[in-house]
Amino acid sequence: MDEAGHTGENLLDSDQPVYALAAIQMDEATARAAVSDALGRAPQTMTELKFSALRRSSAGRRNLLTLLHDLGLTPEDAAIIVMHKPFMVATKLIDELVEPRMLAKGLQQVFYAGGAARNMPTPCMSERRGH
C-alpha cells in the first residue's frame, strides 16, 4: 500500500485537496522479484522505488512501465480509495478523539453495534437541520 501526494496528512491544504491510497495484491516472492528487477534498472543511489524520483526521467518512467507490464496486473489485483481531504478531518477526529475514549470506557463495541456511530451528525446534516 502507498499513498499519493506531497502534502500527506495536511488535510486542509488547498494545493492538494484529494488523498489517494492504493494497494495491489500479489504473492511476496513475485513482489520481491519485481522490486529487485526494477531496482536493478534504477540508478545505484536508489534504495527504494519512489515514483516521485522515477517520474523525473524518461529512463525512470520506462522502468515503471516495465515493472507494471512485467507484473501483469489486472483490475482484480488492485484497489484504490480516494477521499476529499476536508472530509477526512471529520473521520480523523473520530479516530483520534472519539474512538480511544469509547475504548477506554469499554464502550467501543456498543458505540458501533448499537448504531450510534452511524447516527453521529455530520457538518452536512447539521446544515440541513438548520443548526
N, C-alpha and C. Protein backbone atom coordinates (compact mmCIF):
# COMPACT_ATOMS: atom_id res chain seq x y z
N MET A 1 0.84 -1.18 0.00
CA MET A 1 0.00 0.00 0.00
C MET A 1 0.88 1.23 0.00
N ASP A 2 0.36 2.28 -0.60
CA ASP A 2 1.07 3.55 -0.57
C ASP A 2 0.07 4.65 -0.84
N GLU A 3 0.42 5.82 -0.35
CA GLU A 3 -0.43 6.98 -0.58
C GLU A 3 0.21 7.86 -1.63
N ALA A 4 -0.60 8.66 -2.27
CA ALA A 4 -0.09 9.55 -3.30
C ALA A 4 -0.19 10.98 -2.82
N GLY A 5 0.79 11.76 -3.19
CA GLY A 5 0.72 13.18 -2.90
C GLY A 5 1.82 13.65 -2.00
N HIS A 6 2.05 14.93 -2.06
CA HIS A 6 3.16 15.51 -1.32
C HIS A 6 2.73 16.24 -0.05
N THR A 7 1.45 16.36 0.19
CA THR A 7 1.02 17.09 1.39
C THR A 7 0.59 16.16 2.52
N GLY A 8 0.58 14.87 2.27
CA GLY A 8 0.32 13.90 3.33
C GLY A 8 -0.91 14.19 4.16
N GLU A 9 -0.72 14.22 5.47
CA GLU A 9 -1.85 14.41 6.37
C GLU A 9 -2.21 15.86 6.62
N ASN A 10 -1.68 16.78 5.82
CA ASN A 10 -2.12 18.17 5.91
C ASN A 10 -3.49 18.22 5.23
N LEU A 11 -4.53 17.96 5.99
CA LEU A 11 -5.86 17.73 5.44
C LEU A 11 -6.55 19.00 4.95
N LEU A 12 -6.04 20.15 5.27
CA LEU A 12 -6.68 21.38 4.82
C LEU A 12 -5.82 22.14 3.80
N ASP A 13 -4.87 21.45 3.18
CA ASP A 13 -4.02 22.07 2.17
C ASP A 13 -4.81 22.23 0.87
N SER A 14 -5.05 23.47 0.47
CA SER A 14 -5.85 23.72 -0.73
C SER A 14 -5.10 23.34 -2.00
N ASP A 15 -3.78 23.20 -1.93
CA ASP A 15 -3.00 22.81 -3.10
C ASP A 15 -3.28 21.36 -3.50
N GLN A 16 -3.62 20.53 -2.54
CA GLN A 16 -3.86 19.12 -2.82
C GLN A 16 -5.02 18.63 -1.96
N PRO A 17 -6.26 18.86 -2.42
CA PRO A 17 -7.44 18.55 -1.59
C PRO A 17 -7.87 17.08 -1.63
N VAL A 18 -7.17 16.24 -2.39
CA VAL A 18 -7.57 14.84 -2.53
C VAL A 18 -6.44 13.94 -2.04
N TYR A 19 -6.82 12.88 -1.34
CA TYR A 19 -5.87 11.89 -0.83
C TYR A 19 -6.23 10.56 -1.49
N ALA A 20 -5.24 9.84 -1.96
CA ALA A 20 -5.47 8.53 -2.57
C ALA A 20 -4.59 7.50 -1.89
N LEU A 21 -5.16 6.36 -1.61
CA LEU A 21 -4.44 5.23 -1.03
C LEU A 21 -4.66 4.05 -1.96
N ALA A 22 -3.59 3.45 -2.44
CA ALA A 22 -3.70 2.36 -3.41
C ALA A 22 -2.97 1.13 -2.90
N ALA A 23 -3.44 -0.02 -3.35
CA ALA A 23 -2.81 -1.28 -2.99
C ALA A 23 -2.95 -2.27 -4.14
N ILE A 24 -1.98 -3.16 -4.23
CA ILE A 24 -2.09 -4.28 -5.17
C ILE A 24 -1.86 -5.56 -4.40
N GLN A 25 -2.45 -6.63 -4.91
CA GLN A 25 -2.36 -7.92 -4.24
C GLN A 25 -1.52 -8.86 -5.10
N MET A 26 -0.50 -9.43 -4.50
CA MET A 26 0.32 -10.45 -5.18
C MET A 26 1.09 -11.21 -4.11
N ASP A 27 1.65 -12.33 -4.50
CA ASP A 27 2.43 -13.08 -3.52
C ASP A 27 3.77 -12.40 -3.29
N GLU A 28 4.34 -12.65 -2.12
CA GLU A 28 5.56 -11.96 -1.70
C GLU A 28 6.75 -12.22 -2.62
N ALA A 29 6.89 -13.43 -3.09
CA ALA A 29 8.02 -13.75 -3.96
C ALA A 29 7.96 -12.96 -5.26
N THR A 30 6.77 -12.84 -5.83
CA THR A 30 6.60 -12.06 -7.06
C THR A 30 6.94 -10.60 -6.81
N ALA A 31 6.46 -10.07 -5.70
CA ALA A 31 6.73 -8.67 -5.37
C ALA A 31 8.22 -8.42 -5.17
N ARG A 32 8.88 -9.29 -4.43
CA ARG A 32 10.32 -9.12 -4.18
C ARG A 32 11.12 -9.18 -5.49
N ALA A 33 10.78 -10.12 -6.36
CA ALA A 33 11.49 -10.26 -7.63
C ALA A 33 11.28 -9.02 -8.51
N ALA A 34 10.05 -8.53 -8.57
CA ALA A 34 9.74 -7.37 -9.40
C ALA A 34 10.47 -6.13 -8.89
N VAL A 35 10.47 -5.93 -7.58
CA VAL A 35 11.16 -4.77 -7.00
C VAL A 35 12.67 -4.90 -7.23
N SER A 36 13.20 -6.07 -7.05
CA SER A 36 14.63 -6.29 -7.27
C SER A 36 15.02 -5.97 -8.72
N ASP A 37 14.22 -6.45 -9.67
CA ASP A 37 14.49 -6.17 -11.09
C ASP A 37 14.42 -4.68 -11.37
N ALA A 38 13.41 -4.01 -10.84
CA ALA A 38 13.25 -2.57 -11.07
C ALA A 38 14.38 -1.79 -10.42
N LEU A 39 14.80 -2.18 -9.23
CA LEU A 39 15.93 -1.50 -8.59
C LEU A 39 17.22 -1.72 -9.39
N GLY A 40 17.34 -2.89 -10.02
CA GLY A 40 18.50 -3.17 -10.86
C GLY A 40 18.56 -2.26 -12.09
N ARG A 41 17.40 -1.78 -12.54
CA ARG A 41 17.36 -0.87 -13.68
C ARG A 41 17.48 0.59 -13.24
N ALA A 42 17.40 0.85 -11.96
CA ALA A 42 17.40 2.22 -11.42
C ALA A 42 18.85 2.66 -11.12
N PRO A 43 19.06 3.97 -10.92
CA PRO A 43 20.39 4.43 -10.51
C PRO A 43 20.82 3.75 -9.21
N GLN A 44 22.12 3.52 -9.07
CA GLN A 44 22.64 2.80 -7.90
C GLN A 44 22.36 3.52 -6.59
N THR A 45 22.13 4.82 -6.64
CA THR A 45 21.85 5.57 -5.42
C THR A 45 20.44 5.32 -4.88
N MET A 46 19.57 4.74 -5.70
CA MET A 46 18.19 4.49 -5.30
C MET A 46 18.09 3.19 -4.52
N THR A 47 17.61 3.28 -3.28
CA THR A 47 17.48 2.09 -2.43
C THR A 47 16.05 1.60 -2.33
N GLU A 48 15.09 2.43 -2.76
CA GLU A 48 13.69 2.03 -2.84
C GLU A 48 13.07 2.70 -4.04
N LEU A 49 12.00 2.10 -4.56
CA LEU A 49 11.34 2.66 -5.73
C LEU A 49 10.41 3.79 -5.29
N LYS A 50 10.74 4.99 -5.68
CA LYS A 50 9.92 6.16 -5.35
C LYS A 50 9.43 6.77 -6.65
N PHE A 51 8.11 6.81 -6.83
CA PHE A 51 7.54 7.37 -8.04
C PHE A 51 8.02 8.80 -8.26
N SER A 52 8.07 9.58 -7.19
CA SER A 52 8.46 10.99 -7.32
C SER A 52 9.84 11.14 -7.93
N ALA A 53 10.73 10.18 -7.69
CA ALA A 53 12.07 10.22 -8.29
C ALA A 53 12.07 9.60 -9.68
N LEU A 54 11.38 8.49 -9.85
CA LEU A 54 11.40 7.78 -11.13
C LEU A 54 10.70 8.56 -12.24
N ARG A 55 9.70 9.33 -11.90
CA ARG A 55 8.94 10.04 -12.93
C ARG A 55 9.73 11.18 -13.58
N ARG A 56 10.82 11.58 -12.98
CA ARG A 56 11.58 12.75 -13.45
C ARG A 56 12.39 12.49 -14.72
N SER A 57 12.64 11.23 -15.04
CA SER A 57 13.46 10.95 -16.22
C SER A 57 12.73 9.95 -17.13
N SER A 58 13.10 9.96 -18.38
CA SER A 58 12.48 9.00 -19.31
C SER A 58 12.88 7.57 -18.93
N ALA A 59 14.11 7.37 -18.45
CA ALA A 59 14.55 6.04 -18.02
C ALA A 59 13.74 5.58 -16.80
N GLY A 60 13.48 6.49 -15.87
CA GLY A 60 12.68 6.16 -14.70
C GLY A 60 11.25 5.81 -15.06
N ARG A 61 10.65 6.58 -15.96
CA ARG A 61 9.27 6.30 -16.40
C ARG A 61 9.22 4.97 -17.14
N ARG A 62 10.22 4.69 -17.96
CA ARG A 62 10.29 3.42 -18.69
C ARG A 62 10.42 2.27 -17.69
N ASN A 63 11.20 2.47 -16.63
CA ASN A 63 11.36 1.45 -15.59
C ASN A 63 10.01 1.14 -14.94
N LEU A 64 9.27 2.17 -14.62
CA LEU A 64 7.95 1.97 -14.01
C LEU A 64 7.01 1.21 -14.95
N LEU A 65 6.99 1.60 -16.21
CA LEU A 65 6.11 0.91 -17.17
C LEU A 65 6.53 -0.55 -17.36
N THR A 66 7.83 -0.80 -17.36
CA THR A 66 8.32 -2.18 -17.47
C THR A 66 7.89 -2.98 -16.24
N LEU A 67 8.03 -2.40 -15.07
CA LEU A 67 7.62 -3.07 -13.83
C LEU A 67 6.13 -3.42 -13.89
N LEU A 68 5.30 -2.47 -14.25
CA LEU A 68 3.86 -2.72 -14.31
C LEU A 68 3.53 -3.78 -15.36
N HIS A 69 4.18 -3.71 -16.50
CA HIS A 69 3.95 -4.70 -17.56
C HIS A 69 4.36 -6.10 -17.09
N ASP A 70 5.55 -6.20 -16.49
CA ASP A 70 6.06 -7.50 -16.04
C ASP A 70 5.17 -8.14 -14.98
N LEU A 71 4.54 -7.32 -14.17
CA LEU A 71 3.66 -7.86 -13.12
C LEU A 71 2.36 -8.42 -13.70
N GLY A 72 1.95 -7.93 -14.86
CA GLY A 72 0.72 -8.43 -15.48
C GLY A 72 -0.51 -8.21 -14.61
N LEU A 73 -0.58 -7.06 -13.97
CA LEU A 73 -1.70 -6.78 -13.06
C LEU A 73 -3.03 -6.68 -13.82
N THR A 74 -4.07 -7.09 -13.14
CA THR A 74 -5.43 -6.96 -13.67
C THR A 74 -6.22 -6.08 -12.71
N PRO A 75 -7.38 -5.60 -13.10
CA PRO A 75 -8.19 -4.80 -12.19
C PRO A 75 -8.52 -5.53 -10.87
N GLU A 76 -8.60 -6.84 -10.93
CA GLU A 76 -8.90 -7.61 -9.71
C GLU A 76 -7.74 -7.60 -8.72
N ASP A 77 -6.55 -7.23 -9.18
CA ASP A 77 -5.36 -7.22 -8.32
C ASP A 77 -5.18 -5.89 -7.59
N ALA A 78 -5.94 -4.89 -7.95
CA ALA A 78 -5.68 -3.54 -7.43
C ALA A 78 -6.92 -2.93 -6.78
N ALA A 79 -6.66 -2.02 -5.86
CA ALA A 79 -7.73 -1.26 -5.22
C ALA A 79 -7.21 0.14 -4.94
N ILE A 80 -8.10 1.10 -4.99
CA ILE A 80 -7.73 2.47 -4.67
C ILE A 80 -8.89 3.13 -3.94
N ILE A 81 -8.54 3.92 -2.95
CA ILE A 81 -9.52 4.71 -2.22
C ILE A 81 -9.11 6.17 -2.38
N VAL A 82 -10.03 6.97 -2.82
CA VAL A 82 -9.77 8.40 -3.00
C VAL A 82 -10.73 9.15 -2.10
N MET A 83 -10.19 10.11 -1.34
CA MET A 83 -11.03 10.85 -0.41
C MET A 83 -10.71 12.34 -0.47
N HIS A 84 -11.75 13.12 -0.33
CA HIS A 84 -11.60 14.57 -0.24
C HIS A 84 -11.04 14.87 1.14
N LYS A 85 -9.86 15.49 1.19
CA LYS A 85 -9.16 15.68 2.46
C LYS A 85 -9.98 16.44 3.51
N PRO A 86 -10.71 17.50 3.16
CA PRO A 86 -11.50 18.16 4.21
C PRO A 86 -12.51 17.22 4.89
N PHE A 87 -13.07 16.24 4.16
CA PHE A 87 -13.95 15.26 4.79
C PHE A 87 -13.15 14.39 5.75
N MET A 88 -11.89 14.14 5.42
CA MET A 88 -11.05 13.31 6.28
C MET A 88 -10.83 13.95 7.64
N VAL A 89 -10.97 15.27 7.75
CA VAL A 89 -10.84 15.93 9.05
C VAL A 89 -11.85 15.33 10.02
N ALA A 90 -13.08 15.15 9.55
CA ALA A 90 -14.13 14.58 10.41
C ALA A 90 -13.78 13.14 10.81
N THR A 91 -13.33 12.34 9.85
CA THR A 91 -13.00 10.95 10.18
C THR A 91 -11.80 10.87 11.11
N LYS A 92 -10.85 11.77 10.93
CA LYS A 92 -9.65 11.80 11.79
C LYS A 92 -10.03 12.17 13.22
N LEU A 93 -10.97 13.09 13.37
CA LEU A 93 -11.44 13.46 14.72
C LEU A 93 -12.05 12.26 15.43
N ILE A 94 -12.83 11.47 14.68
CA ILE A 94 -13.42 10.27 15.27
C ILE A 94 -12.31 9.29 15.68
N ASP A 95 -11.35 9.06 14.76
CA ASP A 95 -10.25 8.13 15.04
C ASP A 95 -9.41 8.56 16.23
N GLU A 96 -9.13 9.85 16.33
CA GLU A 96 -8.20 10.34 17.34
C GLU A 96 -8.86 10.74 18.66
N LEU A 97 -10.10 11.19 18.62
CA LEU A 97 -10.74 11.69 19.83
C LEU A 97 -11.84 10.78 20.38
N VAL A 98 -12.74 10.35 19.51
CA VAL A 98 -13.90 9.59 19.99
C VAL A 98 -13.56 8.14 20.27
N GLU A 99 -12.98 7.44 19.30
CA GLU A 99 -12.74 6.00 19.46
C GLU A 99 -11.87 5.66 20.66
N PRO A 100 -10.74 6.33 20.89
CA PRO A 100 -9.93 5.97 22.06
C PRO A 100 -10.68 6.15 23.38
N ARG A 101 -11.50 7.17 23.48
CA ARG A 101 -12.25 7.39 24.72
C ARG A 101 -13.34 6.35 24.91
N MET A 102 -13.99 5.97 23.82
CA MET A 102 -15.00 4.92 23.91
C MET A 102 -14.35 3.59 24.30
N LEU A 103 -13.17 3.32 23.74
CA LEU A 103 -12.45 2.09 24.08
C LEU A 103 -12.03 2.11 25.54
N ALA A 104 -11.51 3.23 26.02
CA ALA A 104 -11.07 3.34 27.42
C ALA A 104 -12.22 3.14 28.39
N LYS A 105 -13.42 3.52 27.99
CA LYS A 105 -14.59 3.34 28.84
C LYS A 105 -15.26 1.99 28.64
N GLY A 106 -14.70 1.19 27.73
CA GLY A 106 -15.29 -0.12 27.45
C GLY A 106 -16.55 -0.04 26.63
N LEU A 107 -16.76 1.04 25.92
CA LEU A 107 -18.00 1.26 25.18
C LEU A 107 -17.83 1.21 23.66
N GLN A 108 -16.64 0.91 23.17
CA GLN A 108 -16.42 0.98 21.74
C GLN A 108 -17.34 0.03 20.97
N GLN A 109 -17.47 -1.19 21.43
CA GLN A 109 -18.34 -2.14 20.72
C GLN A 109 -19.80 -1.69 20.75
N VAL A 110 -20.24 -1.14 21.86
CA VAL A 110 -21.60 -0.64 21.98
C VAL A 110 -21.81 0.54 21.02
N PHE A 111 -20.81 1.39 20.92
CA PHE A 111 -20.86 2.56 20.05
C PHE A 111 -21.14 2.14 18.61
N TYR A 112 -20.50 1.06 18.15
CA TYR A 112 -20.70 0.60 16.78
C TYR A 112 -21.90 -0.32 16.64
N ALA A 113 -22.02 -1.29 17.53
CA ALA A 113 -23.10 -2.27 17.41
C ALA A 113 -24.48 -1.64 17.55
N GLY A 114 -24.59 -0.64 18.41
CA GLY A 114 -25.89 -0.02 18.63
C GLY A 114 -26.27 1.01 17.59
N GLY A 115 -25.38 1.34 16.66
CA GLY A 115 -25.70 2.29 15.60
C GLY A 115 -25.38 3.73 15.93
N ALA A 116 -24.84 4.00 17.11
CA ALA A 116 -24.53 5.38 17.49
C ALA A 116 -23.52 6.00 16.53
N ALA A 117 -22.56 5.21 16.07
CA ALA A 117 -21.54 5.74 15.16
C ALA A 117 -22.16 6.20 13.84
N ARG A 118 -23.12 5.43 13.33
CA ARG A 118 -23.79 5.80 12.07
C ARG A 118 -24.67 7.02 12.23
N ASN A 119 -25.16 7.24 13.41
CA ASN A 119 -26.12 8.32 13.63
C ASN A 119 -25.49 9.63 14.07
N MET A 120 -24.15 9.68 14.12
CA MET A 120 -23.50 10.93 14.52
C MET A 120 -23.75 11.99 13.45
N PRO A 121 -24.10 13.20 13.85
CA PRO A 121 -24.34 14.25 12.85
C PRO A 121 -23.05 14.64 12.15
N THR A 122 -23.16 14.90 10.86
CA THR A 122 -22.03 15.39 10.09
C THR A 122 -22.26 16.87 9.83
N PRO A 123 -21.24 17.61 9.40
CA PRO A 123 -21.46 19.02 9.09
C PRO A 123 -22.59 19.22 8.08
N CYS A 124 -22.68 18.34 7.09
CA CYS A 124 -23.75 18.49 6.09
C CYS A 124 -25.12 18.28 6.72
N MET A 125 -25.24 17.29 7.62
CA MET A 125 -26.52 17.04 8.27
C MET A 125 -26.90 18.21 9.15
N SER A 126 -25.95 18.80 9.87
CA SER A 126 -26.23 19.93 10.73
C SER A 126 -26.74 21.11 9.93
N GLU A 127 -26.13 21.34 8.78
CA GLU A 127 -26.55 22.47 7.95
C GLU A 127 -27.96 22.26 7.46
N ARG A 128 -28.32 21.03 7.08
CA ARG A 128 -29.67 20.78 6.59
C ARG A 128 -30.70 20.93 7.70
N ARG A 129 -30.31 20.62 8.91
CA ARG A 129 -31.25 20.71 10.04
C ARG A 129 -31.35 22.13 10.56
N GLY A 130 -30.52 23.03 10.04
CA GLY A 130 -30.59 24.42 10.48
C GLY A 130 -29.83 24.70 11.75
N HIS A 131 -28.91 23.83 12.15
CA HIS A 131 -28.13 24.03 13.39
C HIS A 131 -26.88 24.82 13.11
